[in-house]
Amino acid sequence: MEQRTFDRSGGSASVVGLGTWQLGADWGTVREADALAVLDAAREAGVTFFDTADVYGDGRSERTIAAYLRERPDAGITVATKMGRRVAQVPENYTLGNFRAWTDRSRENLGVDRLDLVQLHCPPTPVVASDAVFDALDTLVAEERIAAYGVSVETCEQALTAIARPGTASVQIILNAFRMKPLERVLPAAAEAGVAIIARVPLASGLLSGRYTKDTAFAADDHRTYNRHGEAFDQGETFSGVDYATGVEAAAAFSALAPEGATPAQTALRWVVQQPGVTTVIPGARSAEQARSNAEAAALPPLPEETLEAVRALYDERIRPRVHDRW
């Protein structure tokens, strides 16, 4: 699989990575054996980048990855984790002391001395603008607790603020056919600065797979049930902030644009992969089959210009008025 570089840190990632939120919590129950099978299928398909967080299942996702890699020390996987969402979301909690404690916990969970990449996990806006916060992150690098750091953000303005910081190796942001605003300023700024872009929620919480209808029911412990209106965390993390009924109808139209031999989900991933400035896209998977299918999107030919134009027209007509100016 194609590898793309993290220019500021010297690392690299497969162009299709693996998001492991599903393996921790908030997507319904996933058995340990199934979680390990997902990791194995992704690696076998050429994935070299796993994205996790200390809050996913309160560390379960990190520990599952550790158990998998313990048996495969030469797997060549870069593991990116995140920190900051296990406490109240106030700027006062983003201190060097807490950073040390949080990264120590993740190092223990992952079974490593130094974390490959640590990202602030969608922190409050003042945190991204704080000199002290980035001084503390630089200290973690100097202390060799972490090799590099980045910021996972909710808004384009937060992304631009993070990109302007000289030590930021990566910015993680929602980017998909239903969330196009980052194309305007964020991706060009990141490319110019040498900051890697990690594209998350690429399938709009599964909408862009085309598998859901208005009558689809999700488990009670699935965020697609309990966070549709932002009840638990930012609404944009669930269906990219698109109301479900609108999303289902737009996803059906998107599915009709999939080229022969590609699923709608693969088409959605291919769309992200070919956006200039994207380093890696991190779809999640609840089964080995899903993980393999997602990885196969990397080998698809680029979507033709007429398809790209049709995707843009679909966004402009049905999605833009509902999400574009919110994030």
C-alpha atoms as a PDB file:
ATOM      1  CA  MET A   1       0.000   0.000   0.000  1.00  0.00           C
ATOM      2  CA  GLU A   2       1.128   3.539  -0.698  1.00  0.00           C
ATOM      3  CA  GLN A   3       2.939   5.186   2.231  1.00  0.00           C
ATOM      4  CA  ARG A   4       2.823   8.940   2.813  1.00  0.00           C
ATOM      5  CA  THR A   5       5.183  10.882   5.047  1.00  0.00           C
ATOM      6  CA  PHE A   6       4.750  12.959   8.171  1.00  0.00           C
ATOM      7  CA  ASP A   7       7.200  15.618   7.040  1.00  0.00           C
ATOM      8  CA  ARG A   8       7.768  17.272  10.409  1.00  0.00           C
ATOM      9  CA  SER A   9       8.310  14.050  12.379  1.00  0.00           C
ATOM     10  CA  GLY A  10       9.941  11.902   9.726  1.00  0.00           C
ATOM     11  CA  GLY A  11       7.347   9.153  10.124  1.00  0.00           C
ATOM     12  CA  SER A  12       5.042   7.642   7.561  1.00  0.00           C
ATOM     13  CA  ALA A  13       1.629   6.015   7.341  1.00  0.00           C
ATOM     14  CA  SER A  14      -0.280   3.850   4.927  1.00  0.00           C
ATOM     15  CA  VAL A  15      -2.654   6.011   2.930  1.00  0.00           C
ATOM     16  CA  VAL A  16      -5.519   3.996   4.432  1.00  0.00           C
ATOM     17  CA  GLY A  17      -5.046   3.479   8.155  1.00  0.00           C
ATOM     18  CA  LEU A  18      -7.325   2.048  10.822  1.00  0.00           C
ATOM     19  CA  GLY A  19      -9.365   3.949  13.375  1.00  0.00           C
ATOM     20  CA  THR A  20      -9.961   1.894  16.508  1.00  0.00           C
ATOM     21  CA  TRP A  21     -12.720   3.782  18.317  1.00  0.00           C
ATOM     22  CA  GLN A  22     -15.010   0.871  17.419  1.00  0.00           C
ATOM     23  CA  LEU A  23     -12.707  -1.546  19.222  1.00  0.00           C
ATOM     24  CA  GLY A  24     -13.003   0.336  22.486  1.00  0.00           C
ATOM     25  CA  ALA A  25     -16.557   1.616  22.961  1.00  0.00           C
ATOM     26  CA  ASP A  26     -19.466   3.696  21.648  1.00  0.00           C
ATOM     27  CA  TRP A  27     -20.240   1.545  18.588  1.00  0.00           C
ATOM     28  CA  GLY A  28     -21.956  -1.372  20.289  1.00  0.00           C
ATOM     29  CA  THR A  29     -20.203  -4.411  21.728  1.00  0.00           C
ATOM     30  CA  VAL A  30     -17.153  -5.803  19.939  1.00  0.00           C
ATOM     31  CA  ARG A  31     -15.697  -9.054  21.271  1.00  0.00           C
ATOM     32  CA  GLU A  32     -11.948  -9.206  21.967  1.00  0.00           C
ATOM     33  CA  ALA A  33     -11.457 -11.931  19.362  1.00  0.00           C
ATOM     34  CA  ASP A  34     -13.228  -9.829  16.754  1.00  0.00           C
ATOM     35  CA  ALA A  35     -11.154  -6.784  17.666  1.00  0.00           C
ATOM     36  CA  LEU A  36      -7.918  -8.735  17.240  1.00  0.00           C
ATOM     37  CA  ALA A  37      -9.182 -10.097  13.922  1.00  0.00           C
ATOM     38  CA  VAL A  38      -9.812  -6.542  12.700  1.00  0.00           C
ATOM     39  CA  LEU A  39      -6.263  -5.513  13.571  1.00  0.00           C
ATOM     40  CA  ASP A  40      -4.834  -8.577  11.864  1.00  0.00           C
ATOM     41  CA  ALA A  41      -6.892  -8.133   8.707  1.00  0.00           C
ATOM     42  CA  ALA A  42      -5.854  -4.503   8.442  1.00  0.00           C
ATOM     43  CA  ARG A  43      -2.163  -5.304   8.844  1.00  0.00           C
ATOM     44  CA  GLU A  44      -2.335  -8.143   6.349  1.00  0.00           C
ATOM     45  CA  ALA A  45      -3.956  -5.738   3.861  1.00  0.00           C
ATOM     46  CA  GLY A  46      -1.035  -3.321   4.131  1.00  0.00           C
ATOM     47  CA  VAL A  47      -2.237  -0.931   6.848  1.00  0.00           C
ATOM     48  CA  THR A  48       0.678   0.459   8.883  1.00  0.00           C
ATOM     49  CA  PHE A  49      -1.123   3.138  10.931  1.00  0.00           C
ATOM     50  CA  PHE A  50      -3.472   2.498  13.859  1.00  0.00           C
ATOM     51  CA  ASP A  51      -5.240   5.437  15.509  1.00  0.00           C
ATOM     52  CA  THR A  52      -6.557   5.059  19.063  1.00  0.00           C
ATOM     53  CA  ALA A  53      -7.181   7.113  22.220  1.00  0.00           C
ATOM     54  CA  ASP A  54      -6.902   6.685  25.968  1.00  0.00           C
ATOM     55  CA  VAL A  55     -10.649   7.262  26.297  1.00  0.00           C
ATOM     56  CA  TYR A  56     -11.752   4.518  23.879  1.00  0.00           C
ATOM     57  CA  GLY A  57     -13.216   2.012  26.288  1.00  0.00           C
ATOM     58  CA  ASP A  58     -11.189   3.738  29.029  1.00  0.00           C
ATOM     59  CA  GLY A  59      -8.004   2.248  27.593  1.00  0.00           C
ATOM     60  CA  ARG A  60      -9.437  -0.959  26.159  1.00  0.00           C
ATOM     61  CA  SER A  61      -8.550  -0.017  22.592  1.00  0.00           C
ATOM     62  CA  GLU A  62      -4.955   0.780  23.544  1.00  0.00           C
ATOM     63  CA  ARG A  63      -4.599  -2.476  25.481  1.00  0.00           C
ATOM     64  CA  THR A  64      -6.069  -4.501  22.609  1.00  0.00           C
ATOM     65  CA  ILE A  65      -3.538  -3.009  20.209  1.00  0.00           C
ATOM     66  CA  ALA A  66      -0.769  -3.764  22.690  1.00  0.00           C
ATOM     67  CA  ALA A  67      -1.858  -7.387  22.982  1.00  0.00           C
ATOM     68  CA  TYR A  68      -1.896  -7.714  19.214  1.00  0.00           C
ATOM     69  CA  LEU A  69       1.515  -6.111  18.632  1.00  0.00           C
ATOM     70  CA  ARG A  70       3.138  -7.967  21.528  1.00  0.00           C
ATOM     71  CA  GLU A  71       2.955 -11.114  19.417  1.00  0.00           C
ATOM     72  CA  ARG A  72       4.162  -9.240  16.315  1.00  0.00           C
ATOM     73  CA  PRO A  73       7.064  -7.000  17.362  1.00  0.00           C
ATOM     74  CA  ASP A  74       8.196  -6.561  13.756  1.00  0.00           C
ATOM     75  CA  ALA A  75       4.777  -5.617  12.359  1.00  0.00           C
ATOM     76  CA  GLY A  76       5.927  -2.110  11.429  1.00  0.00           C
ATOM     77  CA  ILE A  77       2.830  -0.403  12.822  1.00  0.00           C
ATOM     78  CA  THR A  78       2.787   3.238  13.875  1.00  0.00           C
ATOM     79  CA  VAL A  79       0.329   3.763  16.723  1.00  0.00           C
ATOM     80  CA  ALA A  80      -1.155   7.205  17.249  1.00  0.00           C
ATOM     81  CA  THR A  81      -3.085   7.783  20.450  1.00  0.00           C
ATOM     82  CA  LYS A  82      -4.870  10.777  21.947  1.00  0.00           C
ATOM     83  CA  MET A  83      -5.227  12.352  25.363  1.00  0.00           C
ATOM     84  CA  GLY A  84      -7.370  14.843  27.216  1.00  0.00           C
ATOM     85  CA  ARG A  85     -10.937  13.549  27.096  1.00  0.00           C
ATOM     86  CA  ARG A  86     -10.904  11.615  30.371  1.00  0.00           C
ATOM     87  CA  VAL A  87     -11.237  14.819  32.394  1.00  0.00           C
ATOM     88  CA  ALA A  88     -13.483  17.879  32.406  1.00  0.00           C
ATOM     89  CA  GLN A  89     -13.004  19.890  29.218  1.00  0.00           C
ATOM     90  CA  VAL A  90     -11.563  23.044  30.737  1.00  0.00           C
ATOM     91  CA  PRO A  91      -8.247  24.644  29.760  1.00  0.00           C
ATOM     92  CA  GLU A  92      -6.958  24.389  33.327  1.00  0.00           C
ATOM     93  CA  ASN A  93      -6.644  20.608  32.961  1.00  0.00           C
ATOM     94  CA  TYR A  94      -4.183  20.855  30.065  1.00  0.00           C
ATOM     95  CA  THR A  95      -0.979  21.007  32.124  1.00  0.00           C
ATOM     96  CA  LEU A  96       2.435  19.409  31.862  1.00  0.00           C
ATOM     97  CA  GLY A  97       1.758  17.368  34.997  1.00  0.00           C
ATOM     98  CA  ASN A  98      -1.423  15.938  33.543  1.00  0.00           C
ATOM     99  CA  PHE A  99       0.254  15.358  30.191  1.00  0.00           C
ATOM    100  CA  ARG A 100       2.944  13.311  31.911  1.00  0.00           C
ATOM    101  CA  ALA A 101       0.362  11.277  33.793  1.00  0.00           C
ATOM    102  CA  TRP A 102      -1.806  10.717  30.738  1.00  0.00           C
ATOM    103  CA  THR A 103       1.080   9.675  28.510  1.00  0.00           C
ATOM    104  CA  ASP A 104       2.472   7.425  31.234  1.00  0.00           C
ATOM    105  CA  ARG A 105      -0.881   5.645  31.342  1.00  0.00           C
ATOM    106  CA  SER A 106      -0.965   5.260  27.554  1.00  0.00           C
ATOM    107  CA  ARG A 107       2.629   4.014  27.515  1.00  0.00           C
ATOM    108  CA  GLU A 108       1.639   1.364  30.038  1.00  0.00           C
ATOM    109  CA  ASN A 109      -1.526   0.466  28.127  1.00  0.00           C
ATOM    110  CA  LEU A 110       0.393   0.169  24.849  1.00  0.00           C
ATOM    111  CA  GLY A 111       3.422  -1.499  26.402  1.00  0.00           C
ATOM    112  CA  VAL A 112       5.977   0.955  25.001  1.00  0.00           C
ATOM    113  CA  ASP A 113       8.593   3.311  26.411  1.00  0.00           C
ATOM    114  CA  ARG A 114       7.883   6.049  23.884  1.00  0.00           C
ATOM    115  CA  LEU A 115       4.603   6.772  22.125  1.00  0.00           C
ATOM    116  CA  ASP A 116       4.831   7.225  18.344  1.00  0.00           C
ATOM    117  CA  LEU A 117       2.342  10.084  18.138  1.00  0.00           C
ATOM    118  CA  VAL A 118       0.152  11.707  20.784  1.00  0.00           C
ATOM    119  CA  GLN A 119      -2.688  14.007  19.795  1.00  0.00           C
ATOM    120  CA  LEU A 120      -4.644  16.412  21.935  1.00  0.00           C
ATOM    121  CA  HIS A 121      -8.129  14.943  21.688  1.00  0.00           C
ATOM    122  CA  CYS A 122     -10.459  17.697  20.442  1.00  0.00           C
ATOM    123  CA  PRO A 123      -9.523  20.127  23.215  1.00  0.00           C
ATOM    124  CA  PRO A 124     -11.300  23.406  23.982  1.00  0.00           C
ATOM    125  CA  THR A 125     -10.346  26.190  21.575  1.00  0.00           C
ATOM    126  CA  PRO A 126      -8.252  28.159  24.130  1.00  0.00           C
ATOM    127  CA  VAL A 127      -6.012  25.099  24.566  1.00  0.00           C
ATOM    128  CA  VAL A 128      -5.023  25.142  20.896  1.00  0.00           C
ATOM    129  CA  ALA A 129      -4.041  28.804  21.257  1.00  0.00           C
ATOM    130  CA  SER A 130      -1.991  28.321  24.440  1.00  0.00           C
ATOM    131  CA  ASP A 131       1.792  28.762  24.347  1.00  0.00           C
ATOM    132  CA  ALA A 132       2.094  26.872  27.631  1.00  0.00           C
ATOM    133  CA  VAL A 133       0.310  23.832  26.213  1.00  0.00           C
ATOM    134  CA  PHE A 134       2.685  23.556  23.276  1.00  0.00           C
ATOM    135  CA  ASP A 135       5.692  24.180  25.512  1.00  0.00           C
ATOM    136  CA  ALA A 136       4.490  21.220  27.583  1.00  0.00           C
ATOM    137  CA  LEU A 137       4.126  19.052  24.479  1.00  0.00           C
ATOM    138  CA  ASP A 138       7.662  19.990  23.437  1.00  0.00           C
ATOM    139  CA  THR A 139       8.798  18.911  26.902  1.00  0.00           C
ATOM    140  CA  LEU A 140       7.212  15.483  26.424  1.00  0.00           C
ATOM    141  CA  VAL A 141       9.231  15.081  23.216  1.00  0.00           C
ATOM    142  CA  ALA A 142      12.425  16.202  24.977  1.00  0.00           C
ATOM    143  CA  GLU A 143      11.755  13.722  27.793  1.00  0.00           C
ATOM    144  CA  GLU A 144      11.268  10.980  25.163  1.00  0.00           C
ATOM    145  CA  ARG A 145       7.819  10.111  26.441  1.00  0.00           C
ATOM    146  CA  ILE A 146       6.548  10.772  22.923  1.00  0.00           C
ATOM    147  CA  ALA A 147       8.182  10.914  19.502  1.00  0.00           C
ATOM    148  CA  ALA A 148       5.825  13.531  18.073  1.00  0.00           C
ATOM    149  CA  TYR A 149       2.568  15.319  18.770  1.00  0.00           C
ATOM    150  CA  GLY A 150      -0.476  16.540  16.914  1.00  0.00           C
ATOM    151  CA  VAL A 151      -3.936  17.915  17.518  1.00  0.00           C
ATOM    152  CA  SER A 152      -7.297  16.348  16.750  1.00  0.00           C
ATOM    153  CA  VAL A 153      -9.762  19.154  16.126  1.00  0.00           C
ATOM    154  CA  GLU A 154     -13.441  19.815  15.593  1.00  0.00           C
ATOM    155  CA  THR A 155     -13.249  23.023  13.558  1.00  0.00           C
ATOM    156  CA  CYS A 156     -11.235  24.370  10.673  1.00  0.00           C
ATOM    157  CA  GLU A 157     -10.176  27.404  12.708  1.00  0.00           C
ATOM    158  CA  GLN A 158      -8.714  25.129  15.385  1.00  0.00           C
ATOM    159  CA  ALA A 159      -6.868  23.227  12.669  1.00  0.00           C
ATOM    160  CA  LEU A 160      -5.331  26.389  11.248  1.00  0.00           C
ATOM    161  CA  THR A 161      -4.209  27.486  14.710  1.00  0.00           C
ATOM    162  CA  ALA A 162      -2.557  24.111  15.327  1.00  0.00           C
ATOM    163  CA  ILE A 163      -0.877  24.075  11.911  1.00  0.00           C
ATOM    164  CA  ALA A 164       0.761  27.421  12.718  1.00  0.00           C
ATOM    165  CA  ARG A 165       2.586  25.847  15.669  1.00  0.00           C
ATOM    166  CA  PRO A 166       6.103  24.802  14.577  1.00  0.00           C
ATOM    167  CA  GLY A 167       6.090  21.566  16.567  1.00  0.00           C
ATOM    168  CA  THR A 168       2.762  20.215  15.323  1.00  0.00           C
ATOM    169  CA  ALA A 169       3.410  17.043  13.326  1.00  0.00           C
ATOM    170  CA  SER A 170      -0.200  16.278  12.434  1.00  0.00           C
ATOM    171  CA  VAL A 171      -3.746  17.551  12.496  1.00  0.00           C
ATOM    172  CA  GLN A 172      -6.641  15.128  12.621  1.00  0.00           C
ATOM    173  CA  ILE A 173      -9.917  16.459  11.250  1.00  0.00           C
ATOM    174  CA  ILE A 174     -13.255  15.204   9.951  1.00  0.00           C
ATOM    175  CA  LEU A 175     -13.103  15.056   6.173  1.00  0.00           C
ATOM    176  CA  ASN A 176     -15.492  13.234   3.892  1.00  0.00           C
ATOM    177  CA  ALA A 177     -17.912  13.761   1.011  1.00  0.00           C
ATOM    178  CA  PHE A 178     -20.368  15.236   3.541  1.00  0.00           C
ATOM    179  CA  ARG A 179     -17.758  17.487   5.232  1.00  0.00           C
ATOM    180  CA  MET A 180     -15.785  19.434   2.648  1.00  0.00           C
ATOM    181  CA  LYS A 181     -14.901  22.681   4.398  1.00  0.00           C
ATOM    182  CA  PRO A 182     -11.320  21.547   5.241  1.00  0.00           C
ATOM    183  CA  LEU A 183     -10.555  21.516   1.515  1.00  0.00           C
ATOM    184  CA  GLU A 184     -10.762  25.308   1.378  1.00  0.00           C
ATOM    185  CA  ARG A 185      -8.002  26.383   3.775  1.00  0.00           C
ATOM    186  CA  VAL A 186      -6.912  23.588   6.089  1.00  0.00           C
ATOM    187  CA  LEU A 187      -5.457  21.138   3.576  1.00  0.00           C
ATOM    188  CA  PRO A 188      -3.544  23.810   1.610  1.00  0.00           C
ATOM    189  CA  ALA A 189      -2.134  25.288   4.842  1.00  0.00           C
ATOM    190  CA  ALA A 190      -1.075  21.868   6.104  1.00  0.00           C
ATOM    191  CA  ALA A 191       0.607  20.989   2.829  1.00  0.00           C
ATOM    192  CA  GLU A 192       2.532  24.278   2.802  1.00  0.00           C
ATOM    193  CA  ALA A 193       3.656  23.800   6.427  1.00  0.00           C
ATOM    194  CA  GLY A 194       4.517  20.115   6.102  1.00  0.00           C
ATOM    195  CA  VAL A 195       1.870  19.078   8.623  1.00  0.00           C
ATOM    196  CA  ALA A 196       0.305  15.657   8.107  1.00  0.00           C
ATOM    197  CA  ILE A 197      -3.463  15.453   7.745  1.00  0.00           C
ATOM    198  CA  ILE A 198      -5.219  12.484   9.349  1.00  0.00           C
ATOM    199  CA  ALA A 199      -8.748  12.332   7.954  1.00  0.00           C
ATOM    200  CA  ARG A 200     -11.258  10.858  10.373  1.00  0.00           C
ATOM    201  CA  VAL A 201     -14.968   9.954  10.124  1.00  0.00           C
ATOM    202  CA  PRO A 202     -14.458   9.341   6.392  1.00  0.00           C
ATOM    203  CA  LEU A 203     -17.704   7.393   6.046  1.00  0.00           C
ATOM    204  CA  ALA A 204     -19.799   9.859   8.063  1.00  0.00           C
ATOM    205  CA  SER A 205     -20.355   7.262  10.789  1.00  0.00           C
ATOM    206  CA  GLY A 206     -21.286   4.669   8.178  1.00  0.00           C
ATOM    207  CA  LEU A 207     -23.770   6.771   6.221  1.00  0.00           C
ATOM    208  CA  LEU A 208     -21.572   6.782   3.136  1.00  0.00           C
ATOM    209  CA  SER A 209     -21.532   2.991   3.072  1.00  0.00           C
ATOM    210  CA  GLY A 210     -25.074   3.232   1.729  1.00  0.00           C
ATOM    211  CA  ARG A 211     -26.185   0.396   4.009  1.00  0.00           C
ATOM    212  CA  TYR A 212     -28.569   2.346   6.225  1.00  0.00           C
ATOM    213  CA  THR A 213     -32.191   3.297   5.798  1.00  0.00           C
ATOM    214  CA  LYS A 214     -34.430   5.624   7.759  1.00  0.00           C
ATOM    215  CA  ASP A 215     -35.581   2.573   9.731  1.00  0.00           C
ATOM    216  CA  THR A 216     -32.114   1.319  10.701  1.00  0.00           C
ATOM    217  CA  ALA A 217     -31.817   0.928  14.472  1.00  0.00           C
ATOM    218  CA  PHE A 218     -28.509   1.201  16.319  1.00  0.00           C
ATOM    219  CA  ALA A 219     -27.675  -0.257  19.715  1.00  0.00           C
ATOM    220  CA  ALA A 220     -28.361   1.820  22.817  1.00  0.00           C
ATOM    221  CA  ASP A 221     -24.609   2.024  23.540  1.00  0.00           C
ATOM    222  CA  ASP A 222     -23.835   3.201  20.002  1.00  0.00           C
ATOM    223  CA  HIS A 223     -23.181   6.952  19.648  1.00  0.00           C
ATOM    224  CA  ARG A 224     -25.345   6.910  16.513  1.00  0.00           C
ATOM    225  CA  THR A 225     -28.238   6.415  18.932  1.00  0.00           C
ATOM    226  CA  TYR A 226     -27.321   8.639  21.853  1.00  0.00           C
ATOM    227  CA  ASN A 227     -25.346  11.498  20.274  1.00  0.00           C
ATOM    228  CA  ARG A 228     -27.361  12.475  17.203  1.00  0.00           C
ATOM    229  CA  HIS A 229     -27.912  15.951  18.584  1.00  0.00           C
ATOM    230  CA  GLY A 230     -24.620  16.317  20.448  1.00  0.00           C
ATOM    231  CA  GLU A 231     -25.909  15.027  23.765  1.00  0.00           C
ATOM    232  CA  ALA A 232     -22.603  13.381  24.788  1.00  0.00           C
ATOM    233  CA  PHE A 233     -19.912  15.126  22.694  1.00  0.00           C
ATOM    234  CA  ASP A 234     -19.631  17.261  19.581  1.00  0.00           C
ATOM    235  CA  GLN A 235     -22.528  16.570  17.227  1.00  0.00           C
ATOM    236  CA  GLY A 236     -20.189  16.648  14.272  1.00  0.00           C
ATOM    237  CA  GLU A 237     -18.662  13.336  15.345  1.00  0.00           C
ATOM    238  CA  THR A 238     -21.962  11.538  14.643  1.00  0.00           C
ATOM    239  CA  PHE A 239     -23.005  11.350  10.973  1.00  0.00           C
ATOM    240  CA  SER A 240     -20.675  14.352  10.434  1.00  0.00           C
ATOM    241  CA  GLY A 241     -23.355  16.533  11.993  1.00  0.00           C
ATOM    242  CA  VAL A 242     -25.868  15.819   9.223  1.00  0.00           C
ATOM    243  CA  ASP A 243     -29.364  15.015  10.442  1.00  0.00           C
ATOM    244  CA  TYR A 244     -30.003  11.329   9.899  1.00  0.00           C
ATOM    245  CA  ALA A 245     -32.918  11.514   7.472  1.00  0.00           C
ATOM    246  CA  THR A 246     -31.086  13.960   5.206  1.00  0.00           C
ATOM    247  CA  GLY A 247     -27.944  11.865   5.440  1.00  0.00           C
ATOM    248  CA  VAL A 248     -29.673   8.644   4.419  1.00  0.00           C
ATOM    249  CA  GLU A 249     -31.188  10.257   1.340  1.00  0.00           C
ATOM    250  CA  ALA A 250     -27.921  11.923   0.327  1.00  0.00           C
ATOM    251  CA  ALA A 251     -26.024   8.676   0.906  1.00  0.00           C
ATOM    252  CA  ALA A 252     -28.335   6.851  -1.505  1.00  0.00           C
ATOM    253  CA  ALA A 253     -27.490   9.430  -4.151  1.00  0.00           C
ATOM    254  CA  PHE A 254     -23.794   9.098  -3.354  1.00  0.00           C
ATOM    255  CA  SER A 255     -23.974   5.304  -3.676  1.00  0.00           C
ATOM    256  CA  ALA A 256     -25.220   5.697  -7.239  1.00  0.00           C
ATOM    257  CA  LEU A 257     -21.917   7.435  -8.078  1.00  0.00           C
ATOM    258  CA  ALA A 258     -19.750   4.459  -7.101  1.00  0.00           C
ATOM    259  CA  PRO A 259     -17.758   3.190 -10.090  1.00  0.00           C
ATOM    260  CA  GLU A 260     -18.072  -0.388 -11.258  1.00  0.00           C
ATOM    261  CA  GLY A 261     -16.171  -2.747  -8.992  1.00  0.00           C
ATOM    262  CA  ALA A 262     -16.153  -0.407  -5.981  1.00  0.00           C
ATOM    263  CA  THR A 263     -18.518  -0.256  -3.032  1.00  0.00           C
ATOM    264  CA  PRO A 264     -19.935   3.084  -1.881  1.00  0.00           C
ATOM    265  CA  ALA A 265     -17.683   2.907   1.193  1.00  0.00           C
ATOM    266  CA  GLN A 266     -14.598   2.316  -0.930  1.00  0.00           C
ATOM    267  CA  THR A 267     -15.636   5.175  -3.185  1.00  0.00           C
ATOM    268  CA  ALA A 268     -15.948   7.470  -0.167  1.00  0.00           C
ATOM    269  CA  LEU A 269     -12.483   6.459   1.035  1.00  0.00           C
ATOM    270  CA  ARG A 270     -10.989   6.879  -2.428  1.00  0.00           C
ATOM    271  CA  TRP A 271     -12.482  10.383  -2.539  1.00  0.00           C
ATOM    272  CA  VAL A 272     -10.629  11.279   0.666  1.00  0.00           C
ATOM    273  CA  VAL A 273      -7.363   9.634  -0.400  1.00  0.00           C
ATOM    274  CA  GLN A 274      -7.091  11.724  -3.546  1.00  0.00           C
ATOM    275  CA  GLN A 275      -7.654  15.095  -1.895  1.00  0.00           C
ATOM    276  CA  PRO A 276      -4.346  17.020  -2.062  1.00  0.00           C
ATOM    277  CA  GLY A 277      -2.777  17.290   1.374  1.00  0.00           C
ATOM    278  CA  VAL A 278      -4.293  14.148   2.941  1.00  0.00           C
ATOM    279  CA  THR A 279      -1.694  11.881   4.538  1.00  0.00           C
ATOM    280  CA  THR A 280      -3.866   9.035   5.789  1.00  0.00           C
ATOM    281  CA  VAL A 281      -7.551   8.271   6.201  1.00  0.00           C
ATOM    282  CA  ILE A 282      -8.626   6.231   9.222  1.00  0.00           C
ATOM    283  CA  PRO A 283     -11.900   4.356   8.724  1.00  0.00           C
ATOM    284  CA  GLY A 284     -12.988   2.136  11.571  1.00  0.00           C
ATOM    285  CA  ALA A 285     -14.077  -1.468  11.220  1.00  0.00           C
ATOM    286  CA  ARG A 286     -16.107  -3.871  13.315  1.00  0.00           C
ATOM    287  CA  SER A 287     -15.124  -6.981  11.358  1.00  0.00           C
ATOM    288  CA  ALA A 288     -12.121  -8.359   9.513  1.00  0.00           C
ATOM    289  CA  GLU A 289     -14.105  -8.204   6.288  1.00  0.00           C
ATOM    290  CA  GLN A 290     -14.741  -4.484   6.748  1.00  0.00           C
ATOM    291  CA  ALA A 291     -11.073  -3.857   7.489  1.00  0.00           C
ATOM    292  CA  ARG A 292      -9.977  -5.645   4.322  1.00  0.00           C
ATOM    293  CA  SER A 293     -12.576  -3.903   2.180  1.00  0.00           C
ATOM    294  CA  ASN A 294     -11.554  -0.493   3.513  1.00  0.00           C
ATOM    295  CA  ALA A 295      -7.889  -1.175   2.790  1.00  0.00           C
ATOM    296  CA  GLU A 296      -8.703  -2.171  -0.776  1.00  0.00           C
ATOM    297  CA  ALA A 297      -9.838   1.393  -1.455  1.00  0.00           C
ATOM    298  CA  ALA A 298      -6.173   2.394  -1.595  1.00  0.00           C
ATOM    299  CA  ALA A 299      -5.721   0.360  -4.781  1.00  0.00           C
ATOM    300  CA  LEU A 300      -8.681   1.835  -6.641  1.00  0.00           C
ATOM    301  CA  PRO A 301      -7.926   4.147  -9.564  1.00  0.00           C
ATOM    302  CA  PRO A 302      -8.544   7.842  -8.920  1.00  0.00           C
ATOM    303  CA  LEU A 303     -12.144   8.899  -9.274  1.00  0.00           C
ATOM    304  CA  PRO A 304     -12.695  10.629 -12.624  1.00  0.00           C
ATOM    305  CA  GLU A 305     -13.383  14.337 -12.802  1.00  0.00           C
ATOM    306  CA  GLU A 306     -17.058  13.834 -13.623  1.00  0.00           C
ATOM    307  CA  THR A 307     -17.518  11.794 -10.454  1.00  0.00           C
ATOM    308  CA  LEU A 308     -15.731  14.406  -8.361  1.00  0.00           C
ATOM    309  CA  GLU A 309     -17.986  17.074  -9.825  1.00  0.00           C
ATOM    310  CA  ALA A 310     -21.080  15.012  -9.083  1.00  0.00           C
ATOM    311  CA  VAL A 311     -19.966  14.500  -5.473  1.00  0.00           C
ATOM    312  CA  ARG A 312     -19.402  18.230  -5.097  1.00  0.00           C
ATOM    313  CA  ALA A 313     -22.830  19.008  -6.567  1.00  0.00           C
ATOM    314  CA  LEU A 314     -24.451  16.558  -4.158  1.00  0.00           C
ATOM    315  CA  TYR A 315     -22.691  18.214  -1.238  1.00  0.00           C
ATOM    316  CA  ASP A 316     -23.550  21.726  -2.364  1.00  0.00           C
ATOM    317  CA  GLU A 317     -27.215  20.920  -2.851  1.00  0.00           C
ATOM    318  CA  ARG A 318     -28.025  18.692   0.108  1.00  0.00           C
ATOM    319  CA  ILE A 319     -25.315  18.984   2.754  1.00  0.00           C
ATOM    320  CA  ARG A 320     -23.554  22.353   2.600  1.00  0.00           C
ATOM    321  CA  PRO A 321     -26.455  24.416   4.004  1.00  0.00           C
ATOM    322  CA  ARG A 322     -26.641  22.157   7.074  1.00  0.00           C
ATOM    323  CA  VAL A 323     -22.975  21.729   8.083  1.00  0.00           C
ATOM    324  CA  HIS A 324     -20.547  23.906   6.166  1.00  0.00           C
ATOM    325  CA  ASP A 325     -20.525  26.958   8.408  1.00  0.00           C
ATOM    326  CA  ARG A 326     -20.759  25.055  11.691  1.00  0.00           C
ATOM    327  CA  TRP A 327     -17.314  23.478  11.776  1.00  0.00           C
END
